[in-house]
Amino acid sequence: MILKDKINSGQFIVCGEIGPPQSCDGDVIRKKAQYFRGIADAVNITDNQTAIARLSSIASAKILLEEGVEPIIQMTCRDRNRLAIQSDLLGAAALGVRNVLCLTGDYQTFGDNPEAKGVFDLDSTQLIATVAKLNSGYLLSGREMKKAPEFLIGAAANPFAVPFEMRLIRLCKKIRAGAHFIQTQPVFDPELFRNWMERVVEMGLHEKVAILAGVMPVKSVNTLLRMRADVPGVKINDEYIQRMEKATDPQAEGVKIAVEIIQTVKNLKGIRGVHIMPFLWESIMPTIVKESDLRN
């Protein structure tokens, strides 16, 4: 059953994430696929994450399809104008890709080519609307297509950035633009996330879109400290930093924290699944899913 059908059937969804290599080595994707096959319902392929050039998300998605893993391509507004975006989306659809996550993209100053020019012809909400228009059979020019894609459209949400109400307004706009599912930023403040979900439910947004809570297993306290310092809108409880600092086995503690967060968020009203982001640690995915009891 494909991701779209699983969401429509009300099943609890488990998504993963793969970061492509900084090379043309497709075998890296083939190797990483084994950690998700039969475990994740679908797997994100990041699009030049952290503004560093990597193997194409669309090419990586094709490899995943060949390996029996359903991909979700990430499509950012940073690197493409509306012509390139439409062309890449149509190409992805022609290759059998069914899912796309619409993102603004990390600013180029975060990466190793800070002099690169950002495009940002569209923003993430406009990108969602663009994909929805393609699904309806029309290019942005208004030209009708002989064959239209049928993308399941995803978007991101950050429950932790301020102002709090603006996060909800942005979520509403993305849903109105045509988003079918939402993946949140990683949860490291369960109480704040609970508050956000309560407002989402009060507004009835959980009935219009499938919300997947982001969970990121980390290997070291330095990862948390770098995220707190460098990633806007991230909220990390001091408790997790202290636990990672004191841990005799930081990787085991990172797994334990991720499992605890999953157990907390999966029971919240309105949550339809989890999106596990094992940043450059894809091999831990089977362990996280097993210890979280997500497949029973």
Protein backbone atom coordinates (compact mmCIF):
# COMPACT_ATOMS: atom_id res chain seq x y z
CA MET A 1 0.00 0.00 0.00
CA ILE A 2 1.42 3.39 -1.00
CA LEU A 3 1.79 6.28 1.45
CA LYS A 4 -1.26 8.11 0.11
CA ASP A 5 -3.48 5.10 0.70
CA LYS A 6 -2.05 4.50 4.17
CA ILE A 7 -2.78 8.08 5.17
CA ASN A 8 -6.31 7.87 3.77
CA SER A 9 -6.92 4.60 5.61
CA GLY A 10 -6.03 6.15 8.96
CA GLN A 11 -2.99 3.98 9.62
CA PHE A 12 -0.22 5.25 11.89
CA ILE A 13 2.57 6.43 9.58
CA VAL A 14 6.30 5.95 10.04
CA CYS A 15 8.54 8.02 7.77
CA GLY A 16 12.32 8.10 7.65
CA GLU A 17 14.94 10.30 6.04
CA ILE A 18 18.10 9.80 3.99
CA GLY A 19 20.79 12.35 3.25
CA PRO A 20 22.36 11.77 -0.19
CA PRO A 21 26.16 11.75 -0.50
CA GLN A 22 28.35 14.60 -1.66
CA SER A 23 29.25 12.55 -4.72
CA CYS A 24 27.65 10.59 -7.58
CA ASP A 25 27.90 7.28 -5.71
CA GLY A 26 24.41 5.79 -6.02
CA ASP A 27 25.51 2.76 -4.02
CA VAL A 28 25.38 4.95 -0.91
CA ILE A 29 21.62 5.26 -1.41
CA ARG A 30 21.31 1.54 -2.14
CA LYS A 31 23.11 0.70 1.10
CA LYS A 32 21.03 3.12 3.16
CA ALA A 33 17.81 1.76 1.65
CA GLN A 34 18.24 -1.50 3.55
CA TYR A 35 17.70 0.31 6.85
CA PHE A 36 14.23 1.46 5.75
CA ARG A 37 12.85 -1.32 3.57
CA GLY A 38 9.88 -2.92 5.32
CA ILE A 39 10.31 -0.55 8.27
CA ALA A 40 9.31 2.92 7.01
CA ASP A 41 6.18 3.68 5.01
CA ALA A 42 8.12 6.28 3.03
CA VAL A 43 11.52 7.95 3.19
CA ASN A 44 12.46 11.60 2.64
CA ILE A 45 15.36 12.33 0.32
CA THR A 46 16.82 15.67 1.34
CA ASP A 47 17.47 18.35 -1.28
CA ASN A 48 20.97 19.80 -0.85
CA GLN A 49 20.46 19.88 2.91
CA THR A 50 22.40 22.46 4.90
CA ALA A 51 22.98 24.22 1.56
CA ILE A 52 25.69 21.76 0.50
CA ALA A 53 25.69 20.20 -2.98
CA ARG A 54 24.67 16.53 -2.84
CA LEU A 55 23.37 13.82 -5.13
CA SER A 56 20.03 14.87 -6.60
CA SER A 57 16.99 14.05 -4.51
CA ILE A 58 15.13 12.96 -7.66
CA ALA A 59 17.92 10.64 -8.81
CA SER A 60 18.15 9.26 -5.27
CA ALA A 61 14.40 8.71 -5.24
CA LYS A 62 14.62 6.66 -8.42
CA ILE A 63 17.25 4.47 -6.79
CA LEU A 64 15.02 4.01 -3.74
CA LEU A 65 12.13 2.94 -5.97
CA GLU A 66 14.40 0.32 -7.53
CA GLU A 67 15.28 -0.85 -4.01
CA GLY A 68 11.63 -1.25 -2.97
CA VAL A 69 11.44 1.86 -0.78
CA GLU A 70 8.83 4.56 -1.36
CA PRO A 71 10.53 7.97 -1.57
CA ILE A 72 9.43 11.47 -0.67
CA ILE A 73 11.49 13.96 -2.63
CA GLN A 74 12.23 17.24 -0.95
CA MET A 75 11.88 20.25 -3.25
CA THR A 76 13.35 23.56 -2.09
CA CYS A 77 12.72 27.07 -3.34
CA ARG A 78 16.32 28.12 -2.76
CA ASP A 79 17.89 26.58 -5.88
CA ARG A 80 15.23 26.78 -8.61
CA ASN A 81 12.93 29.27 -10.29
CA ARG A 82 9.38 28.28 -11.18
CA LEU A 83 10.42 26.91 -14.57
CA ALA A 84 12.99 24.54 -13.09
CA ILE A 85 10.64 23.55 -10.26
CA GLN A 86 7.87 22.56 -12.67
CA SER A 87 10.30 20.73 -14.93
CA ASP A 88 11.85 18.77 -12.07
CA LEU A 89 8.46 17.86 -10.64
CA LEU A 90 7.21 16.59 -13.99
CA GLY A 91 10.43 14.62 -14.40
CA ALA A 92 10.04 13.10 -10.96
CA ALA A 93 6.46 12.10 -11.73
CA ALA A 94 7.58 10.50 -15.01
CA LEU A 95 10.06 8.38 -13.00
CA GLY A 96 7.29 7.14 -10.70
CA VAL A 97 7.82 9.46 -7.73
CA ARG A 98 4.49 10.08 -5.98
CA ASN A 99 5.39 12.22 -2.97
CA VAL A 100 6.94 15.66 -2.58
CA LEU A 101 7.78 17.73 0.50
CA CYS A 102 7.73 21.46 -0.25
CA LEU A 103 10.36 23.51 1.57
CA THR A 104 11.96 26.93 1.50
CA GLY A 105 15.43 25.40 1.95
CA ASP A 106 18.34 26.23 4.23
CA TYR A 107 19.86 29.58 3.33
CA GLN A 108 23.00 29.29 1.26
CA THR A 109 25.05 31.06 3.94
CA PHE A 110 24.66 27.91 6.09
CA GLY A 111 26.66 25.81 3.64
CA ASP A 112 30.06 25.64 1.99
CA ASN A 113 29.08 27.92 -0.91
CA PRO A 114 27.94 31.04 0.94
CA GLU A 115 28.50 33.15 -2.19
CA ALA A 116 25.82 31.18 -4.07
CA LYS A 117 22.78 33.18 -5.14
CA GLY A 118 19.50 32.06 -3.64
CA VAL A 119 16.57 31.97 -6.07
CA PHE A 120 13.41 31.99 -3.91
CA ASP A 121 11.20 32.71 -6.92
CA LEU A 122 8.46 30.99 -4.92
CA ASP A 123 8.07 30.51 -1.19
CA SER A 124 7.12 27.18 0.34
CA THR A 125 3.39 27.95 0.42
CA GLN A 126 3.44 29.04 -3.22
CA LEU A 127 5.34 25.86 -4.04
CA ILE A 128 2.58 23.80 -2.43
CA ALA A 129 0.02 25.66 -4.55
CA THR A 130 2.17 25.03 -7.64
CA VAL A 131 2.21 21.28 -7.05
CA ALA A 132 -1.54 21.33 -6.44
CA LYS A 133 -2.04 23.16 -9.76
CA LEU A 134 0.11 20.58 -11.56
CA ASN A 135 -2.05 17.87 -9.99
CA SER A 136 -5.11 19.59 -11.42
CA GLY A 137 -3.62 19.32 -14.90
CA TYR A 138 -2.26 22.83 -15.46
CA LEU A 139 1.14 24.45 -15.57
CA LEU A 140 1.61 27.82 -13.84
CA SER A 141 1.32 29.46 -17.25
CA GLY A 142 -2.25 28.16 -17.44
CA ARG A 143 -1.38 25.69 -20.18
CA GLU A 144 -3.26 22.41 -19.81
CA MET A 145 -1.19 19.23 -19.74
CA LYS A 146 -2.04 16.04 -21.58
CA LYS A 147 -0.99 14.03 -18.54
CA ALA A 148 -0.93 15.41 -15.00
CA PRO A 149 1.00 14.13 -11.96
CA GLU A 150 -0.77 12.86 -8.86
CA PHE A 151 1.53 14.02 -6.09
CA LEU A 152 0.88 13.57 -2.40
CA ILE A 153 1.92 17.00 -1.15
CA GLY A 154 3.83 17.48 2.07
CA ALA A 155 4.90 20.57 4.00
CA ALA A 156 6.94 21.39 7.08
CA ALA A 157 5.85 23.05 10.31
CA ASN A 158 7.84 24.41 13.23
CA PRO A 159 5.81 24.29 16.47
CA PHE A 160 8.67 25.82 18.45
CA ALA A 161 9.44 29.10 16.70
CA VAL A 162 7.98 32.37 17.87
CA PRO A 163 5.57 34.01 17.61
CA PHE A 164 3.51 30.93 18.46
CA GLU A 165 0.29 32.07 16.76
CA MET A 166 2.16 32.86 13.54
CA ARG A 167 3.19 29.20 13.34
CA LEU A 168 -0.48 28.23 13.31
CA ILE A 169 -1.31 30.85 10.69
CA ARG A 170 1.44 29.51 8.44
CA LEU A 171 0.14 25.98 8.94
CA CYS A 172 -3.36 27.10 7.92
CA LYS A 173 -1.99 28.72 4.77
CA LYS A 174 -0.12 25.58 3.78
CA ILE A 175 -3.20 23.44 4.27
CA ARG A 176 -5.32 25.84 2.20
CA ALA A 177 -2.65 25.78 -0.52
CA GLY A 178 -3.06 22.02 -0.85
CA ALA A 179 -0.82 20.19 1.65
CA HIS A 180 -1.90 16.62 2.43
CA PHE A 181 0.60 15.88 5.20
CA ILE A 182 2.82 17.85 7.56
CA GLN A 183 6.21 16.89 8.96
CA THR A 184 7.24 18.93 11.99
CA GLN A 185 10.66 20.02 13.09
CA PRO A 186 12.25 17.59 15.59
CA VAL A 187 10.63 17.51 19.01
CA PHE A 188 12.99 18.19 21.89
CA ASP A 189 10.39 20.01 24.01
CA PRO A 190 7.45 17.61 24.35
CA GLU A 191 5.39 19.98 26.51
CA LEU A 192 5.60 22.84 24.03
CA PHE A 193 4.75 20.40 21.25
CA ARG A 194 1.75 19.18 23.25
CA ASN A 195 0.54 22.78 23.58
CA TRP A 196 0.90 23.30 19.83
CA MET A 197 -1.03 20.13 19.05
CA GLU A 198 -3.82 21.16 21.40
CA ARG A 199 -4.25 24.38 19.41
CA VAL A 200 -4.06 22.43 16.14
CA VAL A 201 -6.87 20.18 17.35
CA GLU A 202 -8.93 23.12 18.65
CA MET A 203 -8.73 24.63 15.18
CA GLY A 204 -9.70 21.34 13.55
CA LEU A 205 -6.55 21.32 11.41
CA HIS A 206 -5.77 17.70 12.29
CA GLU A 207 -8.89 16.70 10.36
CA LYS A 208 -7.64 18.39 7.19
CA VAL A 209 -4.06 17.14 7.08
CA ALA A 210 -1.99 14.23 8.44
CA ILE A 211 0.46 15.55 11.03
CA LEU A 212 3.70 13.60 11.54
CA ALA A 213 5.80 14.53 14.55
CA GLY A 214 9.50 14.95 13.86
CA VAL A 215 11.93 12.90 15.95
CA MET A 216 15.73 13.09 15.63
CA PRO A 217 17.99 10.56 17.33
CA VAL A 218 21.38 12.13 18.08
CA LYS A 219 24.78 10.61 18.74
CA SER A 220 26.31 13.30 20.94
CA VAL A 221 25.62 16.36 23.04
CA ASN A 222 27.53 18.43 20.47
CA THR A 223 24.77 17.79 17.94
CA LEU A 224 22.20 19.25 20.30
CA LEU A 225 24.42 22.22 21.13
CA ARG A 226 25.05 22.97 17.46
CA MET A 227 21.35 22.76 16.71
CA ARG A 228 20.53 25.11 19.58
CA ALA A 229 23.16 27.60 18.40
CA ASP A 230 22.76 27.45 14.63
CA VAL A 231 19.22 26.37 13.72
CA PRO A 232 16.58 29.11 14.05
CA GLY A 233 13.44 28.16 15.94
CA VAL A 234 14.87 25.06 17.60
CA LYS A 235 13.84 24.49 21.22
CA ILE A 236 15.83 21.87 23.13
CA ASN A 237 15.13 21.12 26.77
CA ASP A 238 18.14 21.41 29.07
CA GLU A 239 17.21 17.96 30.40
CA TYR A 240 18.26 16.30 27.13
CA ILE A 241 21.53 18.20 26.95
CA GLN A 242 22.36 17.25 30.54
CA ARG A 243 21.50 13.60 29.91
CA MET A 244 23.73 13.46 26.84
CA GLU A 245 26.57 15.20 28.69
CA LYS A 246 26.44 12.69 31.55
CA ALA A 247 25.89 9.57 29.45
CA THR A 248 28.62 6.93 29.49
CA ASP A 249 27.26 5.74 26.14
CA PRO A 250 25.94 8.85 24.34
CA GLN A 251 24.62 6.92 21.33
CA ALA A 252 22.57 4.60 23.52
CA GLU A 253 21.25 7.61 25.44
CA GLY A 254 20.37 9.32 22.16
CA VAL A 255 18.32 6.28 21.16
CA LYS A 256 16.63 6.19 24.56
CA ILE A 257 15.65 9.86 24.31
CA ALA A 258 14.26 9.39 20.79
CA VAL A 259 12.19 6.39 21.89
CA GLU A 260 10.82 8.32 24.89
CA ILE A 261 9.81 11.22 22.65
CA ILE A 262 8.08 8.86 20.21
CA GLN A 263 6.16 7.20 23.03
CA THR A 264 5.02 10.62 24.20
CA VAL A 265 4.00 12.19 20.90
CA LYS A 266 2.38 9.16 19.28
CA ASN A 267 -0.45 9.23 21.83
CA LEU A 268 -1.29 12.90 21.37
CA LYS A 269 -4.66 13.62 19.80
CA GLY A 270 -4.27 14.62 16.18
CA ILE A 271 -0.93 12.91 15.56
CA ARG A 272 -1.05 10.58 12.58
CA GLY A 273 2.53 9.36 12.62
CA VAL A 274 6.18 10.14 13.20
CA HIS A 275 8.91 11.36 10.91
CA ILE A 276 12.23 9.97 12.12
CA MET A 277 15.27 11.98 11.01
CA PRO A 278 18.45 10.01 11.76
CA PHE A 279 20.79 12.69 10.37
CA LEU A 280 23.77 10.78 8.88
CA TRP A 281 22.86 7.87 11.18
CA GLU A 282 20.43 5.94 8.99
CA SER A 283 21.60 2.60 10.36
CA ILE A 284 19.86 3.33 13.68
CA MET A 285 16.40 3.41 12.06
CA PRO A 286 15.52 -0.29 12.65
CA THR A 287 16.53 0.00 16.31
CA ILE A 288 14.43 3.11 16.88
CA VAL A 289 11.36 1.56 15.27
CA LYS A 290 11.75 -1.72 17.15
CA GLU A 291 12.31 -0.15 20.57
CA SER A 292 9.42 2.25 20.02
CA ASP A 293 7.13 -0.66 19.17
CA LEU A 294 5.93 1.14 16.07
CA ARG A 295 5.32 -1.92 13.95
CA ASN A 296 3.16 -4.03 16.29
